[in-house]
């Protein structure tokens, strides 16, 4: 059970640790320098961040207090590892999905299946959706299905580890055109077209 909402940087630090455990196992656990580089990575990140090592280390201390990150001893360089699955009480498949949502922002189930391939291989999109539904139905929900954006074929999912995403929902809902608004716009376009044709006819111009 998460004791409080994470900050965006806490979510980024935690997600980077999970990601790098699978993508660069030889370098894991991560040093402060490697962890900072992962947070500031320009690819596969949304939003892109520019944080200092000092900010990352301060964030690590906050995550340690939440029992989500631990320090690895016995090395000349202090290294850090995550305790995501146990600290959050989620299975590895769900951890992979939340990690990608924290790293890349809202995504469709199909995008998540592709982006989590190096962390966890899902059999199909329906299995991804199954885990997302479970995350959304928890007593403390960790994910939410956003309203489908205009023109989009699929709805996107977002994580709730940094708190509600009501603003995202409202923006998506507000962007949905209403039937009456569409009808009004079409009527205005038709009227303008008629006016242009009339003026063109008076001037002897073929529109």
C-alpha atoms as a PDB file:
ATOM      1  CA  UNK A   1       0.000   0.000   0.000  1.00  0.00           C
ATOM      2  CA  UNK A   2       1.454   3.357  -1.057  1.00  0.00           C
ATOM      3  CA  UNK A   3       1.556   5.698   1.950  1.00  0.00           C
ATOM      4  CA  UNK A   4       1.352   8.892  -0.107  1.00  0.00           C
ATOM      5  CA  UNK A   5       1.406  10.126  -3.678  1.00  0.00           C
ATOM      6  CA  UNK A   6       4.801  10.136  -5.326  1.00  0.00           C
ATOM      7  CA  UNK A   7       6.323  13.269  -6.793  1.00  0.00           C
ATOM      8  CA  UNK A   8       7.102  13.187 -10.540  1.00  0.00           C
ATOM      9  CA  UNK A   9      10.819  12.841  -9.775  1.00  0.00           C
ATOM     10  CA  UNK A  10      10.213  10.052  -7.265  1.00  0.00           C
ATOM     11  CA  UNK A  11       8.195   8.210  -9.909  1.00  0.00           C
ATOM     12  CA  UNK A  12      10.979   8.747 -12.464  1.00  0.00           C
ATOM     13  CA  UNK A  13      13.737   7.517 -10.126  1.00  0.00           C
ATOM     14  CA  UNK A  14      11.759   4.432  -9.158  1.00  0.00           C
ATOM     15  CA  UNK A  15      10.848   3.622 -12.757  1.00  0.00           C
ATOM     16  CA  UNK A  16      14.428   4.043 -13.957  1.00  0.00           C
ATOM     17  CA  UNK A  17      15.647   1.549 -11.357  1.00  0.00           C
ATOM     18  CA  UNK A  18      13.059  -0.994 -12.497  1.00  0.00           C
ATOM     19  CA  UNK A  19      13.840  -0.398 -16.163  1.00  0.00           C
ATOM     20  CA  UNK A  20      17.615  -0.624 -15.850  1.00  0.00           C
ATOM     21  CA  UNK A  21      17.420  -3.825 -13.816  1.00  0.00           C
ATOM     22  CA  UNK A  22      16.177  -5.531 -16.982  1.00  0.00           C
ATOM     23  CA  UNK A  23      17.818  -3.497 -19.737  1.00  0.00           C
ATOM     24  CA  UNK A  24      21.356  -3.153 -18.293  1.00  0.00           C
ATOM     25  CA  UNK A  25      21.617  -5.931 -15.677  1.00  0.00           C
ATOM     26  CA  UNK A  26      25.439  -5.751 -15.629  1.00  0.00           C
ATOM     27  CA  UNK A  27      25.246  -2.177 -14.316  1.00  0.00           C
ATOM     28  CA  UNK A  28      22.494  -2.844 -11.793  1.00  0.00           C
ATOM     29  CA  UNK A  29      22.164  -1.843  -8.924  1.00  0.00           C
ATOM     30  CA  UNK A  30      22.774   1.699 -10.162  1.00  0.00           C
ATOM     31  CA  UNK A  31      25.250   4.277  -8.969  1.00  0.00           C
ATOM     32  CA  UNK A  32      24.004   7.823  -8.359  1.00  0.00           C
ATOM     33  CA  UNK A  33      25.608   8.919 -11.618  1.00  0.00           C
ATOM     34  CA  UNK A  34      23.947   6.164 -13.654  1.00  0.00           C
ATOM     35  CA  UNK A  35      20.611   6.777 -11.968  1.00  0.00           C
ATOM     36  CA  UNK A  36      20.788  10.497 -12.758  1.00  0.00           C
ATOM     37  CA  UNK A  37      21.640   9.740 -16.390  1.00  0.00           C
ATOM     38  CA  UNK A  38      18.644   7.428 -16.583  1.00  0.00           C
ATOM     39  CA  UNK A  39      16.354  10.122 -15.194  1.00  0.00           C
ATOM     40  CA  UNK A  40      17.647  12.652 -17.737  1.00  0.00           C
ATOM     41  CA  UNK A  41      17.525  10.249 -20.678  1.00  0.00           C
ATOM     42  CA  UNK A  42      16.141  11.910 -23.816  1.00  0.00           C
ATOM     43  CA  UNK A  43      14.609   8.820 -25.415  1.00  0.00           C
ATOM     44  CA  UNK A  44      11.655   6.783 -24.115  1.00  0.00           C
ATOM     45  CA  UNK A  45      10.814   9.519 -21.608  1.00  0.00           C
ATOM     46  CA  UNK A  46       7.778  11.760 -21.308  1.00  0.00           C
ATOM     47  CA  UNK A  47       8.327  14.308 -20.005  1.00  0.00           C
ATOM     48  CA  UNK A  48      12.075  14.706 -20.550  1.00  0.00           C
ATOM     49  CA  UNK A  49      13.728  15.860 -17.325  1.00  0.00           C
ATOM     50  CA  UNK A  50      16.924  17.729 -16.463  1.00  0.00           C
ATOM     51  CA  UNK A  51      17.714  17.046 -12.818  1.00  0.00           C
ATOM     52  CA  UNK A  52      20.940  17.178 -10.834  1.00  0.00           C
ATOM     53  CA  UNK A  53      22.575  14.294  -9.004  1.00  0.00           C
ATOM     54  CA  UNK A  54      21.878  16.100  -5.731  1.00  0.00           C
ATOM     55  CA  UNK A  55      18.154  16.193  -6.541  1.00  0.00           C
ATOM     56  CA  UNK A  56      18.194  12.499  -7.412  1.00  0.00           C
ATOM     57  CA  UNK A  57      19.974  11.588  -4.167  1.00  0.00           C
ATOM     58  CA  UNK A  58      17.493  13.607  -2.111  1.00  0.00           C
ATOM     59  CA  UNK A  59      14.684  11.799  -3.911  1.00  0.00           C
ATOM     60  CA  UNK A  60      16.298   8.436  -3.221  1.00  0.00           C
ATOM     61  CA  UNK A  61      16.217   9.218   0.499  1.00  0.00           C
ATOM     62  CA  UNK A  62      12.474   9.909   0.266  1.00  0.00           C
ATOM     63  CA  UNK A  63      11.929   6.614  -1.566  1.00  0.00           C
ATOM     64  CA  UNK A  64      13.993   4.767   1.037  1.00  0.00           C
ATOM     65  CA  UNK A  65      11.660   6.151   3.720  1.00  0.00           C
ATOM     66  CA  UNK A  66       8.763   4.667   1.731  1.00  0.00           C
ATOM     67  CA  UNK A  67      10.608   1.310   1.549  1.00  0.00           C
ATOM     68  CA  UNK A  68      10.651   1.494  -2.250  1.00  0.00           C
ATOM     69  CA  UNK A  69      14.424   1.854  -2.683  1.00  0.00           C
ATOM     70  CA  UNK A  70      17.338   0.338  -0.772  1.00  0.00           C
ATOM     71  CA  UNK A  71      21.082   0.969  -0.663  1.00  0.00           C
ATOM     72  CA  UNK A  72      23.449  -1.833  -1.619  1.00  0.00           C
ATOM     73  CA  UNK A  73      26.470  -2.120   0.648  1.00  0.00           C
ATOM     74  CA  UNK A  74      29.825  -3.800   0.073  1.00  0.00           C
ATOM     75  CA  UNK A  75      30.861  -1.658  -2.888  1.00  0.00           C
ATOM     76  CA  UNK A  76      33.260   1.267  -3.110  1.00  0.00           C
ATOM     77  CA  UNK A  77      30.527   3.144  -4.972  1.00  0.00           C
ATOM     78  CA  UNK A  78      27.137   3.421  -3.275  1.00  0.00           C
ATOM     79  CA  UNK A  79      24.478   1.773  -5.429  1.00  0.00           C
ATOM     80  CA  UNK A  80      20.716   1.679  -5.317  1.00  0.00           C
ATOM     81  CA  UNK A  81      18.056  -0.896  -6.138  1.00  0.00           C
ATOM     82  CA  UNK A  82      14.270  -0.813  -6.144  1.00  0.00           C
ATOM     83  CA  UNK A  83      11.788  -2.671  -3.968  1.00  0.00           C
ATOM     84  CA  UNK A  84       8.851  -1.883  -6.237  1.00  0.00           C
ATOM     85  CA  UNK A  85       6.913  -5.149  -6.394  1.00  0.00           C
ATOM     86  CA  UNK A  86       7.065  -5.808  -2.674  1.00  0.00           C
ATOM     87  CA  UNK A  87       6.695  -2.168  -1.617  1.00  0.00           C
ATOM     88  CA  UNK A  88       3.674  -1.620  -3.849  1.00  0.00           C
ATOM     89  CA  UNK A  89       2.217  -5.100  -3.456  1.00  0.00           C
ATOM     90  CA  UNK A  90       1.957  -5.809  -7.178  1.00  0.00           C
ATOM     91  CA  UNK A  91       3.158  -8.710  -9.380  1.00  0.00           C
ATOM     92  CA  UNK A  92       5.988  -8.315 -11.869  1.00  0.00           C
ATOM     93  CA  UNK A  93       3.666  -7.890 -14.860  1.00  0.00           C
ATOM     94  CA  UNK A  94       1.833  -5.009 -13.201  1.00  0.00           C
ATOM     95  CA  UNK A  95       5.153  -3.493 -12.129  1.00  0.00           C
ATOM     96  CA  UNK A  96       6.297  -3.478 -15.767  1.00  0.00           C
ATOM     97  CA  UNK A  97       3.137  -1.666 -16.876  1.00  0.00           C
ATOM     98  CA  UNK A  98       3.347   0.953 -14.132  1.00  0.00           C
ATOM     99  CA  UNK A  99       7.033   1.477 -14.895  1.00  0.00           C
ATOM    100  CA  UNK A 100       6.334   2.289 -18.538  1.00  0.00           C
ATOM    101  CA  UNK A 101       3.443   4.570 -17.611  1.00  0.00           C
ATOM    102  CA  UNK A 102       5.745   6.470 -15.249  1.00  0.00           C
ATOM    103  CA  UNK A 103       8.490   6.709 -17.871  1.00  0.00           C
ATOM    104  CA  UNK A 104       6.450   7.495 -20.986  1.00  0.00           C
ATOM    105  CA  UNK A 105       3.115   8.885 -19.799  1.00  0.00           C
ATOM    106  CA  UNK A 106      -0.360   7.677 -20.873  1.00  0.00           C
ATOM    107  CA  UNK A 107      -0.379   4.867 -23.446  1.00  0.00           C
ATOM    108  CA  UNK A 108      -2.778   2.426 -25.053  1.00  0.00           C
ATOM    109  CA  UNK A 109      -2.718  -1.241 -24.069  1.00  0.00           C
ATOM    110  CA  UNK A 110      -1.093  -2.087 -27.406  1.00  0.00           C
ATOM    111  CA  UNK A 111       1.650   0.496 -26.869  1.00  0.00           C
ATOM    112  CA  UNK A 112       2.245  -0.804 -23.366  1.00  0.00           C
ATOM    113  CA  UNK A 113       2.592  -4.363 -24.593  1.00  0.00           C
ATOM    114  CA  UNK A 114       5.284  -3.245 -27.029  1.00  0.00           C
ATOM    115  CA  UNK A 115       7.095  -0.936 -24.617  1.00  0.00           C
ATOM    116  CA  UNK A 116       7.201  -3.442 -21.741  1.00  0.00           C
ATOM    117  CA  UNK A 117       8.672  -6.257 -23.837  1.00  0.00           C
ATOM    118  CA  UNK A 118      12.108  -6.044 -22.188  1.00  0.00           C
ATOM    119  CA  UNK A 119      10.581  -5.948 -18.718  1.00  0.00           C
ATOM    120  CA  UNK A 120       7.790  -8.490 -19.142  1.00  0.00           C
ATOM    121  CA  UNK A 121       6.422 -10.303 -22.189  1.00  0.00           C
ATOM    122  CA  UNK A 122       2.642 -10.311 -22.388  1.00  0.00           C
ATOM    123  CA  UNK A 123       0.968 -12.986 -24.497  1.00  0.00           C
ATOM    124  CA  UNK A 124      -1.423 -10.510 -26.100  1.00  0.00           C
ATOM    125  CA  UNK A 125      -3.088  -7.135 -25.660  1.00  0.00           C
ATOM    126  CA  UNK A 126      -5.988  -8.652 -23.726  1.00  0.00           C
ATOM    127  CA  UNK A 127      -3.586  -9.866 -21.022  1.00  0.00           C
ATOM    128  CA  UNK A 128      -2.219  -6.316 -20.746  1.00  0.00           C
ATOM    129  CA  UNK A 129      -5.758  -4.997 -20.380  1.00  0.00           C
ATOM    130  CA  UNK A 130      -6.464  -7.626 -17.728  1.00  0.00           C
ATOM    131  CA  UNK A 131      -3.606  -6.426 -15.534  1.00  0.00           C
ATOM    132  CA  UNK A 132      -4.545  -2.787 -16.127  1.00  0.00           C
ATOM    133  CA  UNK A 133      -8.125  -3.510 -15.065  1.00  0.00           C
ATOM    134  CA  UNK A 134      -6.832  -5.163 -11.883  1.00  0.00           C
ATOM    135  CA  UNK A 135      -4.677  -2.110 -11.148  1.00  0.00           C
ATOM    136  CA  UNK A 136      -7.669   0.168 -11.664  1.00  0.00           C
ATOM    137  CA  UNK A 137      -9.950  -1.900  -9.419  1.00  0.00           C
ATOM    138  CA  UNK A 138      -7.648  -2.088  -6.394  1.00  0.00           C
ATOM    139  CA  UNK A 139      -8.788  -0.613  -3.100  1.00  0.00           C
ATOM    140  CA  UNK A 140      -6.079   1.972  -3.785  1.00  0.00           C
ATOM    141  CA  UNK A 141      -6.218   2.248  -7.609  1.00  0.00           C
ATOM    142  CA  UNK A 142      -2.856   2.500  -9.347  1.00  0.00           C
ATOM    143  CA  UNK A 143      -4.117   2.998 -12.928  1.00  0.00           C
ATOM    144  CA  UNK A 144      -7.005   4.602 -14.741  1.00  0.00           C
ATOM    145  CA  UNK A 145      -8.456   4.312 -18.241  1.00  0.00           C
ATOM    146  CA  UNK A 146      -8.727   7.772 -19.777  1.00  0.00           C
ATOM    147  CA  UNK A 147     -11.578   8.885 -22.035  1.00  0.00           C
ATOM    148  CA  UNK A 148     -10.793   8.193 -25.672  1.00  0.00           C
ATOM    149  CA  UNK A 149      -9.442  11.293 -27.396  1.00  0.00           C
ATOM    150  CA  UNK A 150     -11.157  12.621 -30.536  1.00  0.00           C
ATOM    151  CA  UNK A 151     -10.050  10.646 -33.568  1.00  0.00           C
ATOM    152  CA  UNK A 152      -8.263   8.018 -31.470  1.00  0.00           C
ATOM    153  CA  UNK A 153      -9.065   4.368 -32.068  1.00  0.00           C
ATOM    154  CA  UNK A 154      -8.132   3.250 -28.556  1.00  0.00           C
ATOM    155  CA  UNK A 155      -8.295   4.718 -25.082  1.00  0.00           C
ATOM    156  CA  UNK A 156      -5.078   5.357 -23.201  1.00  0.00           C
ATOM    157  CA  UNK A 157      -4.170   4.372 -19.644  1.00  0.00           C
ATOM    158  CA  UNK A 158      -2.387   6.458 -17.018  1.00  0.00           C
ATOM    159  CA  UNK A 159      -0.896   5.649 -13.616  1.00  0.00           C
ATOM    160  CA  UNK A 160      -2.182   7.149 -10.370  1.00  0.00           C
ATOM    161  CA  UNK A 161       1.001   6.863  -8.311  1.00  0.00           C
ATOM    162  CA  UNK A 162       1.452  10.643  -8.410  1.00  0.00           C
ATOM    163  CA  UNK A 163      -2.183  11.315  -7.564  1.00  0.00           C
ATOM    164  CA  UNK A 164      -5.366  11.850  -9.611  1.00  0.00           C
ATOM    165  CA  UNK A 165      -5.176  12.749 -13.279  1.00  0.00           C
ATOM    166  CA  UNK A 166      -8.508  14.565 -13.291  1.00  0.00           C
ATOM    167  CA  UNK A 167      -7.076  17.370 -15.405  1.00  0.00           C
ATOM    168  CA  UNK A 168      -6.141  14.862 -18.098  1.00  0.00           C
ATOM    169  CA  UNK A 169      -9.605  13.329 -18.000  1.00  0.00           C
ATOM    170  CA  UNK A 170     -11.299  16.708 -18.166  1.00  0.00           C
ATOM    171  CA  UNK A 171      -9.129  17.829 -21.061  1.00  0.00           C
ATOM    172  CA  UNK A 172      -9.898  14.670 -23.004  1.00  0.00           C
ATOM    173  CA  UNK A 173     -13.601  14.907 -22.243  1.00  0.00           C
ATOM    174  CA  UNK A 174     -13.707  18.583 -23.165  1.00  0.00           C
ATOM    175  CA  UNK A 175     -12.084  17.778 -26.469  1.00  0.00           C
ATOM    176  CA  UNK A 176     -14.931  15.422 -27.389  1.00  0.00           C
ATOM    177  CA  UNK A 177     -17.114  17.368 -29.843  1.00  0.00           C
ATOM    178  CA  UNK A 178     -20.798  17.432 -29.000  1.00  0.00           C
ATOM    179  CA  UNK A 179     -23.352  16.537 -31.654  1.00  0.00           C
ATOM    180  CA  UNK A 180     -25.094  19.900 -31.440  1.00  0.00           C
ATOM    181  CA  UNK A 181     -21.786  21.749 -31.755  1.00  0.00           C
ATOM    182  CA  UNK A 182     -20.926  19.756 -34.858  1.00  0.00           C
ATOM    183  CA  UNK A 183     -24.347  20.460 -36.370  1.00  0.00           C
ATOM    184  CA  UNK A 184     -23.938  24.199 -35.662  1.00  0.00           C
ATOM    185  CA  UNK A 185     -20.492  24.293 -37.257  1.00  0.00           C
ATOM    186  CA  UNK A 186     -21.771  22.477 -40.325  1.00  0.00           C
ATOM    187  CA  UNK A 187     -24.627  24.966 -40.670  1.00  0.00           C
ATOM    188  CA  UNK A 188     -22.179  27.886 -40.409  1.00  0.00           C
ATOM    189  CA  UNK A 189     -19.934  26.343 -43.065  1.00  0.00           C
ATOM    190  CA  UNK A 190     -22.921  25.815 -45.370  1.00  0.00           C
ATOM    191  CA  UNK A 191     -24.012  29.444 -44.888  1.00  0.00           C
ATOM    192  CA  UNK A 192     -20.520  30.731 -45.649  1.00  0.00           C
ATOM    193  CA  UNK A 193     -20.333  28.535 -48.722  1.00  0.00           C
ATOM    194  CA  UNK A 194     -23.659  29.901 -49.936  1.00  0.00           C
ATOM    195  CA  UNK A 195     -22.466  33.476 -49.371  1.00  0.00           C
ATOM    196  CA  UNK A 196     -19.232  32.875 -51.283  1.00  0.00           C
ATOM    197  CA  UNK A 197     -21.131  31.304 -54.175  1.00  0.00           C
ATOM    198  CA  UNK A 198     -23.562  34.245 -54.314  1.00  0.00           C
ATOM    199  CA  UNK A 199     -20.810  36.833 -54.321  1.00  0.00           C
ATOM    200  CA  UNK A 200     -18.885  34.881 -56.931  1.00  0.00           C
ATOM    201  CA  UNK A 201     -21.987  34.693 -59.136  1.00  0.00           C
ATOM    202  CA  UNK A 202     -22.529  38.462 -58.865  1.00  0.00           C
ATOM    203  CA  UNK A 203     -18.921  39.083 -59.900  1.00  0.00           C
ATOM    204  CA  UNK A 204     -19.052  36.488 -62.637  1.00  0.00           C
ATOM    205  CA  UNK A 205     -16.378  34.358 -60.963  1.00  0.00           C
ATOM    206  CA  UNK A 206     -16.477  30.595 -60.860  1.00  0.00           C
ATOM    207  CA  UNK A 207     -15.637  29.586 -57.244  1.00  0.00           C
END
